[in-house]
Amino acid sequence: MRDPVAYGDLMSDVFLFEEVGLRVSVNGDHHLAELADITVEGPDLMLAYRAARDRCDGAADPPPRVS
């Protein structure tokens, strides 16, 4: 089984981030973004999904911040 992915935007998501293999901050506050493997900002949530999917599929690491 592949490691689960968590998407979060607030510090209340930290506990979830501690339990998963891939952490994606979506329009997250700066504290959460620092903990994330991938940080996405903007209105298109598909960017976050695609970035995580690419990472899970073994694509080259996306840039740390996707806009």
PDB file of N, CA and C in Angstrom:
ATOM      1  N   MET A   1       0.846  -1.184   0.000  1.00  0.00           N
ATOM      2  CA  MET A   1       0.000   0.000   0.000  1.00  0.00           C
ATOM      3  C   MET A   1       0.888   1.243   0.000  1.00  0.00           C
ATOM      4  N   ARG A   2       0.492   2.227  -0.751  1.00  0.00           N
ATOM      5  CA  ARG A   2       1.235   3.479  -0.797  1.00  0.00           C
ATOM      6  C   ARG A   2       0.960   4.301   0.446  1.00  0.00           C
ATOM      7  N   ASP A   3       1.903   5.186   0.750  1.00  0.00           N
ATOM      8  CA  ASP A   3       1.698   6.087   1.878  1.00  0.00           C
ATOM      9  C   ASP A   3       0.524   7.017   1.595  1.00  0.00           C
ATOM     10  N   PRO A   4      -0.279   7.279   2.608  1.00  0.00           N
ATOM     11  CA  PRO A   4      -1.404   8.203   2.414  1.00  0.00           C
ATOM     12  C   PRO A   4      -0.916   9.637   2.237  1.00  0.00           C
ATOM     13  N   VAL A   5      -1.779  10.446   1.658  1.00  0.00           N
ATOM     14  CA  VAL A   5      -1.518  11.866   1.426  1.00  0.00           C
ATOM     15  C   VAL A   5      -2.505  12.667   2.259  1.00  0.00           C
ATOM     16  N   ALA A   6      -2.009  13.728   2.898  1.00  0.00           N
ATOM     17  CA  ALA A   6      -2.894  14.629   3.645  1.00  0.00           C
ATOM     18  C   ALA A   6      -2.803  16.018   3.041  1.00  0.00           C
ATOM     19  N   TYR A   7      -3.958  16.642   2.920  1.00  0.00           N
ATOM     20  CA  TYR A   7      -4.055  18.018   2.450  1.00  0.00           C
ATOM     21  C   TYR A   7      -4.539  18.850   3.625  1.00  0.00           C
ATOM     22  N   GLY A   8      -3.894  19.981   3.887  1.00  0.00           N
ATOM     23  CA  GLY A   8      -4.305  20.802   5.014  1.00  0.00           C
ATOM     24  C   GLY A   8      -4.065  22.276   4.750  1.00  0.00           C
ATOM     25  N   ASP A   9      -4.712  23.098   5.597  1.00  0.00           N
ATOM     26  CA  ASP A   9      -4.547  24.537   5.443  1.00  0.00           C
ATOM     27  C   ASP A   9      -4.340  25.271   6.766  1.00  0.00           C
ATOM     28  N   LEU A  10      -4.568  24.612   7.876  1.00  0.00           N
ATOM     29  CA  LEU A  10      -4.457  25.269   9.181  1.00  0.00           C
ATOM     30  C   LEU A  10      -3.595  24.449  10.130  1.00  0.00           C
ATOM     31  N   MET A  11      -3.104  25.079  11.175  1.00  0.00           N
ATOM     32  CA  MET A  11      -2.289  24.381  12.157  1.00  0.00           C
ATOM     33  C   MET A  11      -3.039  23.218  12.813  1.00  0.00           C
ATOM     34  N   SER A  12      -4.341  23.251  12.788  1.00  0.00           N
ATOM     35  CA  SER A  12      -5.095  22.124  13.353  1.00  0.00           C
ATOM     36  C   SER A  12      -4.863  20.840  12.555  1.00  0.00           C
ATOM     37  N   ASP A  13      -4.283  20.949  11.364  1.00  0.00           N
ATOM     38  CA  ASP A  13      -3.987  19.785  10.536  1.00  0.00           C
ATOM     39  C   ASP A  13      -2.621  19.165  10.850  1.00  0.00           C
ATOM     40  N   VAL A  14      -1.888  19.745  11.776  1.00  0.00           N
ATOM     41  CA  VAL A  14      -0.551  19.244  12.107  1.00  0.00           C
ATOM     42  C   VAL A  14      -0.605  17.791  12.559  1.00  0.00           C
ATOM     43  N   PHE A  15      -1.576  17.440  13.378  1.00  0.00           N
ATOM     44  CA  PHE A  15      -1.664  16.066  13.869  1.00  0.00           C
ATOM     45  C   PHE A  15      -1.878  15.084  12.717  1.00  0.00           C
ATOM     46  N   LEU A  16      -2.654  15.475  11.744  1.00  0.00           N
ATOM     47  CA  LEU A  16      -2.844  14.649  10.556  1.00  0.00           C
ATOM     48  C   LEU A  16      -1.538  14.549   9.779  1.00  0.00           C
ATOM     49  N   PHE A  17      -0.846  15.661   9.619  1.00  0.00           N
ATOM     50  CA  PHE A  17       0.420  15.674   8.894  1.00  0.00           C
ATOM     51  C   PHE A  17       1.442  14.738   9.543  1.00  0.00           C
ATOM     52  N   GLU A  18       1.384  14.580  10.845  1.00  0.00           N
ATOM     53  CA  GLU A  18       2.336  13.713  11.543  1.00  0.00           C
ATOM     54  C   GLU A  18       2.105  12.236  11.255  1.00  0.00           C
ATOM     55  N   GLU A  19       0.956  11.882  10.716  1.00  0.00           N
ATOM     56  CA  GLU A  19       0.581  10.480  10.526  1.00  0.00           C
ATOM     57  C   GLU A  19       0.687   9.981   9.092  1.00  0.00           C
ATOM     58  N   VAL A  20       0.998  10.834   8.158  1.00  0.00           N
ATOM     59  CA  VAL A  20       0.966  10.437   6.748  1.00  0.00           C
ATOM     60  C   VAL A  20       2.343  10.519   6.108  1.00  0.00           C
ATOM     61  N   GLY A  21       2.440   9.958   4.924  1.00  0.00           N
ATOM     62  CA  GLY A  21       3.708   9.949   4.209  1.00  0.00           C
ATOM     63  C   GLY A  21       3.973  11.183   3.389  1.00  0.00           C
ATOM     64  N   LEU A  22       2.931  11.827   2.881  1.00  0.00           N
ATOM     65  CA  LEU A  22       3.092  13.006   2.037  1.00  0.00           C
ATOM     66  C   LEU A  22       2.153  14.096   2.530  1.00  0.00           C
ATOM     67  N   ARG A  23       2.721  15.247   2.835  1.00  0.00           N
ATOM     68  CA  ARG A  23       1.952  16.364   3.401  1.00  0.00           C
ATOM     69  C   ARG A  23       1.878  17.503   2.387  1.00  0.00           C
ATOM     70  N   VAL A  24       0.645  17.933   2.081  1.00  0.00           N
ATOM     71  CA  VAL A  24       0.425  18.990   1.104  1.00  0.00           C
ATOM     72  C   VAL A  24      -0.306  20.138   1.774  1.00  0.00           C
ATOM     73  N   SER A  25       0.335  21.299   1.800  1.00  0.00           N
ATOM     74  CA  SER A  25      -0.293  22.506   2.329  1.00  0.00           C
ATOM     75  C   SER A  25      -1.001  23.210   1.177  1.00  0.00           C
ATOM     76  N   VAL A  26      -2.297  23.453   1.340  1.00  0.00           N
ATOM     77  CA  VAL A  26      -3.094  24.118   0.304  1.00  0.00           C
ATOM     78  C   VAL A  26      -3.570  25.439   0.869  1.00  0.00           C
ATOM     79  N   ASN A  27      -2.997  26.511   0.372  1.00  0.00           N
ATOM     80  CA  ASN A  27      -3.307  27.847   0.893  1.00  0.00           C
ATOM     81  C   ASN A  27      -3.142  27.875   2.408  1.00  0.00           C
ATOM     82  N   GLY A  28      -2.134  27.151   2.881  1.00  0.00           N
ATOM     83  CA  GLY A  28      -1.924  27.012   4.314  1.00  0.00           C
ATOM     84  C   GLY A  28      -1.219  28.195   4.943  1.00  0.00           C
ATOM     85  N   ASP A  29      -1.410  28.319   6.251  1.00  0.00           N
ATOM     86  CA  ASP A  29      -0.681  29.359   6.966  1.00  0.00           C
ATOM     87  C   ASP A  29       0.804  28.998   6.957  1.00  0.00           C
ATOM     88  N   HIS A  30       1.657  29.957   7.283  1.00  0.00           N
ATOM     89  CA  HIS A  30       3.095  29.738   7.127  1.00  0.00           C
ATOM     90  C   HIS A  30       3.621  28.629   8.032  1.00  0.00           C
ATOM     91  N   HIS A  31       3.005  28.396   9.161  1.00  0.00           N
ATOM     92  CA  HIS A  31       3.452  27.321  10.047  1.00  0.00           C
ATOM     93  C   HIS A  31       3.246  25.953   9.388  1.00  0.00           C
ATOM     94  N   LEU A  32       2.092  25.757   8.809  1.00  0.00           N
ATOM     95  CA  LEU A  32       1.798  24.488   8.163  1.00  0.00           C
ATOM     96  C   LEU A  32       2.632  24.312   6.901  1.00  0.00           C
ATOM     97  N   ALA A  33       2.804  25.386   6.160  1.00  0.00           N
ATOM     98  CA  ALA A  33       3.590  25.319   4.932  1.00  0.00           C
ATOM     99  C   ALA A  33       5.020  24.868   5.216  1.00  0.00           C
ATOM    100  N   GLU A  34       5.559  25.258   6.347  1.00  0.00           N
ATOM    101  CA  GLU A  34       6.922  24.845   6.710  1.00  0.00           C
ATOM    102  C   GLU A  34       7.016  23.344   6.967  1.00  0.00           C
ATOM    103  N   LEU A  35       5.929  22.721   7.373  1.00  0.00           N
ATOM    104  CA  LEU A  35       5.906  21.286   7.661  1.00  0.00           C
ATOM    105  C   LEU A  35       5.588  20.442   6.434  1.00  0.00           C
ATOM    106  N   ALA A  36       5.073  21.078   5.404  1.00  0.00           N
ATOM    107  CA  ALA A  36       4.588  20.362   4.227  1.00  0.00           C
ATOM    108  C   ALA A  36       5.720  19.920   3.308  1.00  0.00           C
ATOM    109  N   ASP A  37       5.485  18.822   2.605  1.00  0.00           N
ATOM    110  CA  ASP A  37       6.389  18.380   1.546  1.00  0.00           C
ATOM    111  C   ASP A  37       6.140  19.176   0.276  1.00  0.00           C
ATOM    112  N   ILE A  38       4.888  19.539   0.063  1.00  0.00           N
ATOM    113  CA  ILE A  38       4.479  20.319  -1.100  1.00  0.00           C
ATOM    114  C   ILE A  38       3.601  21.454  -0.602  1.00  0.00           C
ATOM    115  N   THR A  39       3.830  22.649  -1.110  1.00  0.00           N
ATOM    116  CA  THR A  39       3.013  23.807  -0.747  1.00  0.00           C
ATOM    117  C   THR A  39       2.393  24.376  -2.017  1.00  0.00           C
ATOM    118  N   VAL A  40       1.074  24.519  -2.005  1.00  0.00           N
ATOM    119  CA  VAL A  40       0.349  25.036  -3.162  1.00  0.00           C
ATOM    120  C   VAL A  40      -0.475  26.227  -2.708  1.00  0.00           C
ATOM    121  N   GLU A  41      -0.395  27.311  -3.474  1.00  0.00           N
ATOM    122  CA  GLU A  41      -1.198  28.495  -3.173  1.00  0.00           C
ATOM    123  C   GLU A  41      -1.967  28.906  -4.417  1.00  0.00           C
ATOM    124  N   GLY A  42      -3.201  29.302  -4.231  1.00  0.00           N
ATOM    125  CA  GLY A  42      -4.019  29.750  -5.344  1.00  0.00           C
ATOM    126  C   GLY A  42      -5.383  29.095  -5.332  1.00  0.00           C
ATOM    127  N   PRO A  43      -6.244  29.520  -6.241  1.00  0.00           N
ATOM    128  CA  PRO A  43      -7.622  29.038  -6.244  1.00  0.00           C
ATOM    129  C   PRO A  43      -7.827  27.669  -6.897  1.00  0.00           C
ATOM    130  N   ASP A  44      -6.851  27.181  -7.656  1.00  0.00           N
ATOM    131  CA  ASP A  44      -7.023  25.922  -8.383  1.00  0.00           C
ATOM    132  C   ASP A  44      -6.546  24.753  -7.532  1.00  0.00           C
ATOM    133  N   LEU A  45      -7.470  24.066  -6.891  1.00  0.00           N
ATOM    134  CA  LEU A  45      -7.118  22.946  -6.021  1.00  0.00           C
ATOM    135  C   LEU A  45      -6.583  21.747  -6.797  1.00  0.00           C
ATOM    136  N   MET A  46      -6.829  21.716  -8.097  1.00  0.00           N
ATOM    137  CA  MET A  46      -6.279  20.629  -8.906  1.00  0.00           C
ATOM    138  C   MET A  46      -4.757  20.690  -8.941  1.00  0.00           C
ATOM    139  N   LEU A  47      -4.171  21.868  -8.753  1.00  0.00           N
ATOM    140  CA  LEU A  47      -2.707  21.963  -8.680  1.00  0.00           C
ATOM    141  C   LEU A  47      -2.173  21.128  -7.524  1.00  0.00           C
ATOM    142  N   ALA A  48      -2.848  21.184  -6.401  1.00  0.00           N
ATOM    143  CA  ALA A  48      -2.429  20.406  -5.229  1.00  0.00           C
ATOM    144  C   ALA A  48      -2.562  18.917  -5.515  1.00  0.00           C
ATOM    145  N   TYR A  49      -3.654  18.519  -6.098  1.00  0.00           N
ATOM    146  CA  TYR A  49      -3.867  17.110  -6.425  1.00  0.00           C
ATOM    147  C   TYR A  49      -2.806  16.618  -7.409  1.00  0.00           C
ATOM    148  N   ARG A  50      -2.568  17.402  -8.458  1.00  0.00           N
ATOM    149  CA  ARG A  50      -1.588  16.983  -9.471  1.00  0.00           C
ATOM    150  C   ARG A  50      -0.182  16.902  -8.898  1.00  0.00           C
ATOM    151  N   ALA A  51       0.185  17.858  -8.063  1.00  0.00           N
ATOM    152  CA  ALA A  51       1.524  17.845  -7.459  1.00  0.00           C
ATOM    153  C   ALA A  51       1.710  16.610  -6.590  1.00  0.00           C
ATOM    154  N   ALA A  52       0.704  16.282  -5.796  1.00  0.00           N
ATOM    155  CA  ALA A  52       0.786  15.090  -4.945  1.00  0.00           C
ATOM    156  C   ALA A  52       0.792  13.828  -5.794  1.00  0.00           C
ATOM    157  N   ARG A  53      -0.035  13.791  -6.800  1.00  0.00           N
ATOM    158  CA  ARG A  53      -0.104  12.618  -7.679  1.00  0.00           C
ATOM    159  C   ARG A  53       1.224  12.390  -8.384  1.00  0.00           C
ATOM    160  N   ASP A  54       1.826  13.467  -8.883  1.00  0.00           N
ATOM    161  CA  ASP A  54       3.129  13.343  -9.535  1.00  0.00           C
ATOM    162  C   ASP A  54       4.169  12.793  -8.570  1.00  0.00           C
ATOM    163  N   ARG A  55       4.169  13.276  -7.345  1.00  0.00           N
ATOM    164  CA  ARG A  55       5.137  12.802  -6.348  1.00  0.00           C
ATOM    165  C   ARG A  55       4.896  11.317  -6.049  1.00  0.00           C
ATOM    166  N   CYS A  56       3.640  10.930  -5.906  1.00  0.00           N
ATOM    167  CA  CYS A  56       3.316   9.528  -5.610  1.00  0.00           C
ATOM    168  C   CYS A  56       3.647   8.608  -6.773  1.00  0.00           C
ATOM    169  N   ASP A  57       3.518   9.122  -7.979  1.00  0.00           N
ATOM    170  CA  ASP A  57       3.803   8.320  -9.167  1.00  0.00           C
ATOM    171  C   ASP A  57       5.289   8.255  -9.485  1.00  0.00           C
ATOM    172  N   GLY A  58       6.110   8.911  -8.660  1.00  0.00           N
ATOM    173  CA  GLY A  58       7.548   8.830  -8.848  1.00  0.00           C
ATOM    174  C   GLY A  58       8.122   9.864  -9.785  1.00  0.00           C
ATOM    175  N   ALA A  59       7.339  10.852 -10.152  1.00  0.00           N
ATOM    176  CA  ALA A  59       7.864  11.924 -10.993  1.00  0.00           C
ATOM    177  C   ALA A  59       8.909  12.700 -10.210  1.00  0.00           C
ATOM    178  N   ALA A  60       9.679  13.465 -10.914  1.00  0.00           N
ATOM    179  CA  ALA A  60      10.682  14.304 -10.260  1.00  0.00           C
ATOM    180  C   ALA A  60       9.985  15.190  -9.222  1.00  0.00           C
ATOM    181  N   ASP A  61      10.692  15.470  -8.168  1.00  0.00           N
ATOM    182  CA  ASP A  61      10.120  16.294  -7.107  1.00  0.00           C
ATOM    183  C   ASP A  61       9.644  17.626  -7.668  1.00  0.00           C
ATOM    184  N   PRO A  62       8.403  18.010  -7.343  1.00  0.00           N
ATOM    185  CA  PRO A  62       7.914  19.312  -7.791  1.00  0.00           C
ATOM    186  C   PRO A  62       8.622  20.407  -6.990  1.00  0.00           C
ATOM    187  N   PRO A  63       8.579  21.618  -7.490  1.00  0.00           N
ATOM    188  CA  PRO A  63       9.186  22.693  -6.724  1.00  0.00           C
ATOM    189  C   PRO A  63       8.501  22.785  -5.362  1.00  0.00           C
ATOM    190  N   PRO A  64       9.198  23.290  -4.337  1.00  0.00           N
ATOM    191  CA  PRO A  64       8.611  23.341  -3.016  1.00  0.00           C
ATOM    192  C   PRO A  64       7.348  24.191  -2.941  1.00  0.00           C
ATOM    193  N   ARG A  65       7.189  25.152  -3.826  1.00  0.00           N
ATOM    194  CA  ARG A  65       6.000  25.994  -3.822  1.00  0.00           C
ATOM    195  C   ARG A  65       5.435  26.017  -5.236  1.00  0.00           C
ATOM    196  N   VAL A  66       4.197  25.598  -5.379  1.00  0.00           N
ATOM    197  CA  VAL A  66       3.522  25.587  -6.665  1.00  0.00           C
ATOM    198  C   VAL A  66       2.484  26.693  -6.637  1.00  0.00           C
ATOM    199  N   SER A  67       2.469  27.534  -7.645  1.00  0.00           N
ATOM    200  CA  SER A  67       1.476  28.626  -7.701  1.00  0.00           C
ATOM    201  C   SER A  67       0.696  28.557  -8.983  1.00  0.00           C
TER     202      SER A  67
END
